[in-house]
Amino acid sequence: MAKNYFNFCKIYAHIDCDWYEPVKFCLESIYPILSKGDYIALDDYYDYGGCKKAVNEFIAKHNDIKIVNDDRNLILLHH
């Protein structure tokens, strides 16, 4: 059932991890189910260097992910 659910819904993931490994794990785990138009919010991008490093590596690795808002929380869009 979950697989069919992800075929038609938009995903908004909110990742609230401080450290490099958990952020990297969350991003790489959710990436395979993302579709065009899905969003990922990262709460600690500006507060923790490990989070920022994991996100920057993820963006560099996946050219279909872009930053769409970098106010308080960093918002990424799968495009």
N, C-alpha and C. Protein backbone atom coordinates (compact mmCIF):
# COMPACT_ATOMS: atom_id res chain seq x y z
N MET A 1 0.82 -1.20 0.00
CA MET A 1 0.00 0.00 0.00
C MET A 1 0.87 1.26 0.00
N ALA A 2 1.90 1.31 0.81
CA ALA A 2 2.74 2.52 0.89
C ALA A 2 3.35 2.86 -0.46
N LYS A 3 3.77 1.86 -1.21
CA LYS A 3 4.38 2.13 -2.51
C LYS A 3 3.38 2.83 -3.43
N ASN A 4 2.15 2.39 -3.48
CA ASN A 4 1.13 3.03 -4.30
C ASN A 4 0.81 4.44 -3.79
N TYR A 5 0.81 4.62 -2.50
CA TYR A 5 0.54 5.92 -1.92
C TYR A 5 1.55 6.95 -2.42
N PHE A 6 2.82 6.59 -2.46
CA PHE A 6 3.85 7.53 -2.88
C PHE A 6 3.80 7.82 -4.37
N ASN A 7 3.06 7.05 -5.13
CA ASN A 7 2.95 7.31 -6.57
C ASN A 7 2.10 8.53 -6.89
N PHE A 8 1.24 8.95 -5.96
CA PHE A 8 0.37 10.08 -6.32
C PHE A 8 0.38 11.22 -5.32
N CYS A 9 1.07 11.10 -4.21
CA CYS A 9 1.05 12.21 -3.25
C CYS A 9 2.35 12.99 -3.31
N LYS A 10 2.29 14.22 -2.89
CA LYS A 10 3.48 15.04 -2.77
C LYS A 10 4.06 14.84 -1.37
N ILE A 11 5.36 14.85 -1.30
CA ILE A 11 6.05 14.61 -0.03
C ILE A 11 6.59 15.93 0.50
N TYR A 12 6.39 16.14 1.76
CA TYR A 12 7.05 17.23 2.47
C TYR A 12 7.74 16.59 3.66
N ALA A 13 9.05 16.48 3.59
CA ALA A 13 9.81 15.88 4.68
C ALA A 13 10.47 16.98 5.50
N HIS A 14 10.37 16.86 6.80
CA HIS A 14 11.01 17.82 7.70
C HIS A 14 12.09 17.07 8.47
N ILE A 15 13.34 17.38 8.19
CA ILE A 15 14.46 16.71 8.84
C ILE A 15 14.99 17.63 9.93
N ASP A 16 14.94 17.15 11.15
CA ASP A 16 15.38 17.93 12.31
C ASP A 16 16.48 17.16 13.04
N CYS A 17 17.62 17.07 12.40
CA CYS A 17 18.80 16.39 12.96
C CYS A 17 19.95 17.38 13.00
N ASP A 18 20.80 17.23 13.98
CA ASP A 18 21.89 18.19 14.16
C ASP A 18 23.20 17.75 13.52
N TRP A 19 23.43 16.47 13.43
CA TRP A 19 24.75 15.95 13.10
C TRP A 19 24.82 15.40 11.68
N TYR A 20 26.02 15.31 11.17
CA TYR A 20 26.29 14.91 9.79
C TYR A 20 25.65 13.56 9.43
N GLU A 21 25.99 12.51 10.16
CA GLU A 21 25.53 11.15 9.79
C GLU A 21 24.01 11.02 9.77
N PRO A 22 23.28 11.48 10.80
CA PRO A 22 21.82 11.36 10.74
C PRO A 22 21.19 12.15 9.59
N VAL A 23 21.71 13.33 9.31
CA VAL A 23 21.17 14.13 8.20
C VAL A 23 21.45 13.43 6.88
N LYS A 24 22.66 12.96 6.70
CA LYS A 24 23.02 12.23 5.48
C LYS A 24 22.13 11.01 5.31
N PHE A 25 21.93 10.25 6.39
CA PHE A 25 21.08 9.06 6.34
C PHE A 25 19.65 9.43 5.93
N CYS A 26 19.10 10.46 6.55
CA CYS A 26 17.72 10.87 6.23
C CYS A 26 17.60 11.30 4.77
N LEU A 27 18.51 12.11 4.30
CA LEU A 27 18.45 12.60 2.92
C LEU A 27 18.57 11.45 1.92
N GLU A 28 19.54 10.58 2.13
CA GLU A 28 19.74 9.47 1.20
C GLU A 28 18.62 8.44 1.28
N SER A 29 17.98 8.32 2.44
CA SER A 29 16.87 7.37 2.59
C SER A 29 15.61 7.86 1.90
N ILE A 30 15.36 9.15 1.96
CA ILE A 30 14.14 9.68 1.35
C ILE A 30 14.29 9.94 -0.15
N TYR A 31 15.50 10.15 -0.61
CA TYR A 31 15.72 10.51 -2.01
C TYR A 31 15.07 9.55 -3.01
N PRO A 32 15.18 8.23 -2.82
CA PRO A 32 14.60 7.31 -3.82
C PRO A 32 13.08 7.43 -3.99
N ILE A 33 12.38 7.96 -3.01
CA ILE A 33 10.92 8.07 -3.16
C ILE A 33 10.46 9.47 -3.54
N LEU A 34 11.39 10.39 -3.71
CA LEU A 34 11.01 11.75 -4.10
C LEU A 34 10.58 11.80 -5.56
N SER A 35 9.62 12.64 -5.82
CA SER A 35 9.16 12.92 -7.18
C SER A 35 9.29 14.41 -7.43
N LYS A 36 9.18 14.78 -8.68
CA LYS A 36 9.24 16.20 -9.04
C LYS A 36 8.19 16.97 -8.24
N GLY A 37 8.62 18.05 -7.62
CA GLY A 37 7.71 18.88 -6.85
C GLY A 37 7.69 18.59 -5.36
N ASP A 38 8.40 17.56 -4.91
CA ASP A 38 8.46 17.23 -3.49
C ASP A 38 9.47 18.13 -2.78
N TYR A 39 9.21 18.39 -1.50
CA TYR A 39 10.04 19.30 -0.71
C TYR A 39 10.68 18.59 0.48
N ILE A 40 11.84 19.10 0.87
CA ILE A 40 12.51 18.67 2.09
C ILE A 40 12.88 19.94 2.86
N ALA A 41 12.50 19.99 4.13
CA ALA A 41 12.89 21.11 5.00
C ALA A 41 13.95 20.61 5.97
N LEU A 42 14.95 21.43 6.19
CA LEU A 42 16.03 21.10 7.12
C LEU A 42 16.11 22.17 8.19
N ASP A 43 15.82 21.77 9.40
CA ASP A 43 15.70 22.69 10.52
C ASP A 43 17.04 23.26 10.98
N ASP A 44 18.09 22.47 10.94
CA ASP A 44 19.34 22.86 11.59
C ASP A 44 20.47 23.22 10.64
N TYR A 45 20.14 23.55 9.41
CA TYR A 45 21.17 23.84 8.41
C TYR A 45 22.09 24.98 8.85
N TYR A 46 21.52 26.01 9.43
CA TYR A 46 22.31 27.19 9.79
C TYR A 46 22.90 27.12 11.20
N ASP A 47 22.53 26.09 11.95
CA ASP A 47 22.97 26.01 13.34
C ASP A 47 24.07 24.98 13.59
N TYR A 48 24.18 23.99 12.72
CA TYR A 48 25.13 22.90 12.96
C TYR A 48 25.93 22.60 11.70
N GLY A 49 27.24 22.62 11.82
CA GLY A 49 28.12 22.39 10.68
C GLY A 49 27.96 21.03 10.05
N GLY A 50 27.67 20.01 10.85
CA GLY A 50 27.48 18.67 10.31
C GLY A 50 26.26 18.58 9.40
N CYS A 51 25.19 19.24 9.81
CA CYS A 51 23.98 19.28 8.99
C CYS A 51 24.28 19.99 7.67
N LYS A 52 24.92 21.12 7.76
CA LYS A 52 25.24 21.90 6.56
C LYS A 52 26.12 21.10 5.60
N LYS A 53 27.12 20.41 6.13
CA LYS A 53 28.02 19.61 5.29
C LYS A 53 27.26 18.50 4.58
N ALA A 54 26.40 17.78 5.30
CA ALA A 54 25.62 16.69 4.71
C ALA A 54 24.70 17.21 3.61
N VAL A 55 24.04 18.33 3.86
CA VAL A 55 23.13 18.91 2.87
C VAL A 55 23.90 19.37 1.63
N ASN A 56 25.00 20.05 1.83
CA ASN A 56 25.78 20.54 0.69
C ASN A 56 26.30 19.39 -0.16
N GLU A 57 26.74 18.31 0.46
CA GLU A 57 27.18 17.13 -0.28
C GLU A 57 26.02 16.51 -1.06
N PHE A 58 24.85 16.46 -0.42
CA PHE A 58 23.66 15.89 -1.05
C PHE A 58 23.26 16.70 -2.28
N ILE A 59 23.25 18.02 -2.15
CA ILE A 59 22.90 18.88 -3.28
C ILE A 59 23.91 18.72 -4.42
N ALA A 60 25.18 18.63 -4.08
CA ALA A 60 26.22 18.47 -5.10
C ALA A 60 26.09 17.13 -5.83
N LYS A 61 25.63 16.12 -5.13
CA LYS A 61 25.49 14.77 -5.70
C LYS A 61 24.24 14.63 -6.56
N HIS A 62 23.20 15.37 -6.24
CA HIS A 62 21.90 15.23 -6.92
C HIS A 62 21.54 16.55 -7.62
N ASN A 63 21.76 16.61 -8.93
CA ASN A 63 21.50 17.86 -9.65
C ASN A 63 20.02 18.14 -9.86
N ASP A 64 19.15 17.23 -9.41
CA ASP A 64 17.71 17.47 -9.50
C ASP A 64 17.14 18.01 -8.18
N ILE A 65 18.01 18.42 -7.28
CA ILE A 65 17.62 19.02 -6.01
C ILE A 65 18.14 20.45 -5.99
N LYS A 66 17.27 21.39 -5.63
CA LYS A 66 17.73 22.78 -5.56
C LYS A 66 17.17 23.45 -4.31
N ILE A 67 17.85 24.49 -3.87
CA ILE A 67 17.40 25.29 -2.74
C ILE A 67 16.33 26.26 -3.24
N VAL A 68 15.19 26.28 -2.57
CA VAL A 68 14.13 27.21 -2.97
C VAL A 68 13.83 28.25 -1.88
N ASN A 69 14.31 28.02 -0.68
CA ASN A 69 14.11 28.98 0.40
C ASN A 69 15.22 28.75 1.42
N ASP A 70 15.86 29.78 1.81
CA ASP A 70 16.91 29.63 2.82
C ASP A 70 16.75 30.67 3.93
N ASP A 71 15.52 30.84 4.36
CA ASP A 71 15.23 31.79 5.43
C ASP A 71 15.63 31.16 6.77
N ARG A 72 14.70 30.81 7.61
CA ARG A 72 15.02 30.18 8.89
C ARG A 72 15.36 28.71 8.71
N ASN A 73 14.56 28.01 7.93
CA ASN A 73 14.82 26.61 7.59
C ASN A 73 15.20 26.54 6.13
N LEU A 74 16.13 25.70 5.81
CA LEU A 74 16.50 25.51 4.41
C LEU A 74 15.46 24.60 3.77
N ILE A 75 14.91 25.00 2.63
CA ILE A 75 13.93 24.20 1.91
C ILE A 75 14.53 23.76 0.59
N LEU A 76 14.50 22.45 0.33
CA LEU A 76 14.98 21.89 -0.92
C LEU A 76 13.80 21.42 -1.74
N LEU A 77 13.92 21.51 -3.05
CA LEU A 77 12.88 21.07 -3.97
C LEU A 77 13.47 20.06 -4.93
N HIS A 78 12.76 18.95 -5.13
CA HIS A 78 13.13 18.00 -6.17
C HIS A 78 12.48 18.52 -7.45
N HIS A 79 13.28 18.80 -8.47
CA HIS A 79 12.73 19.37 -9.71
C HIS A 79 13.09 18.55 -10.91
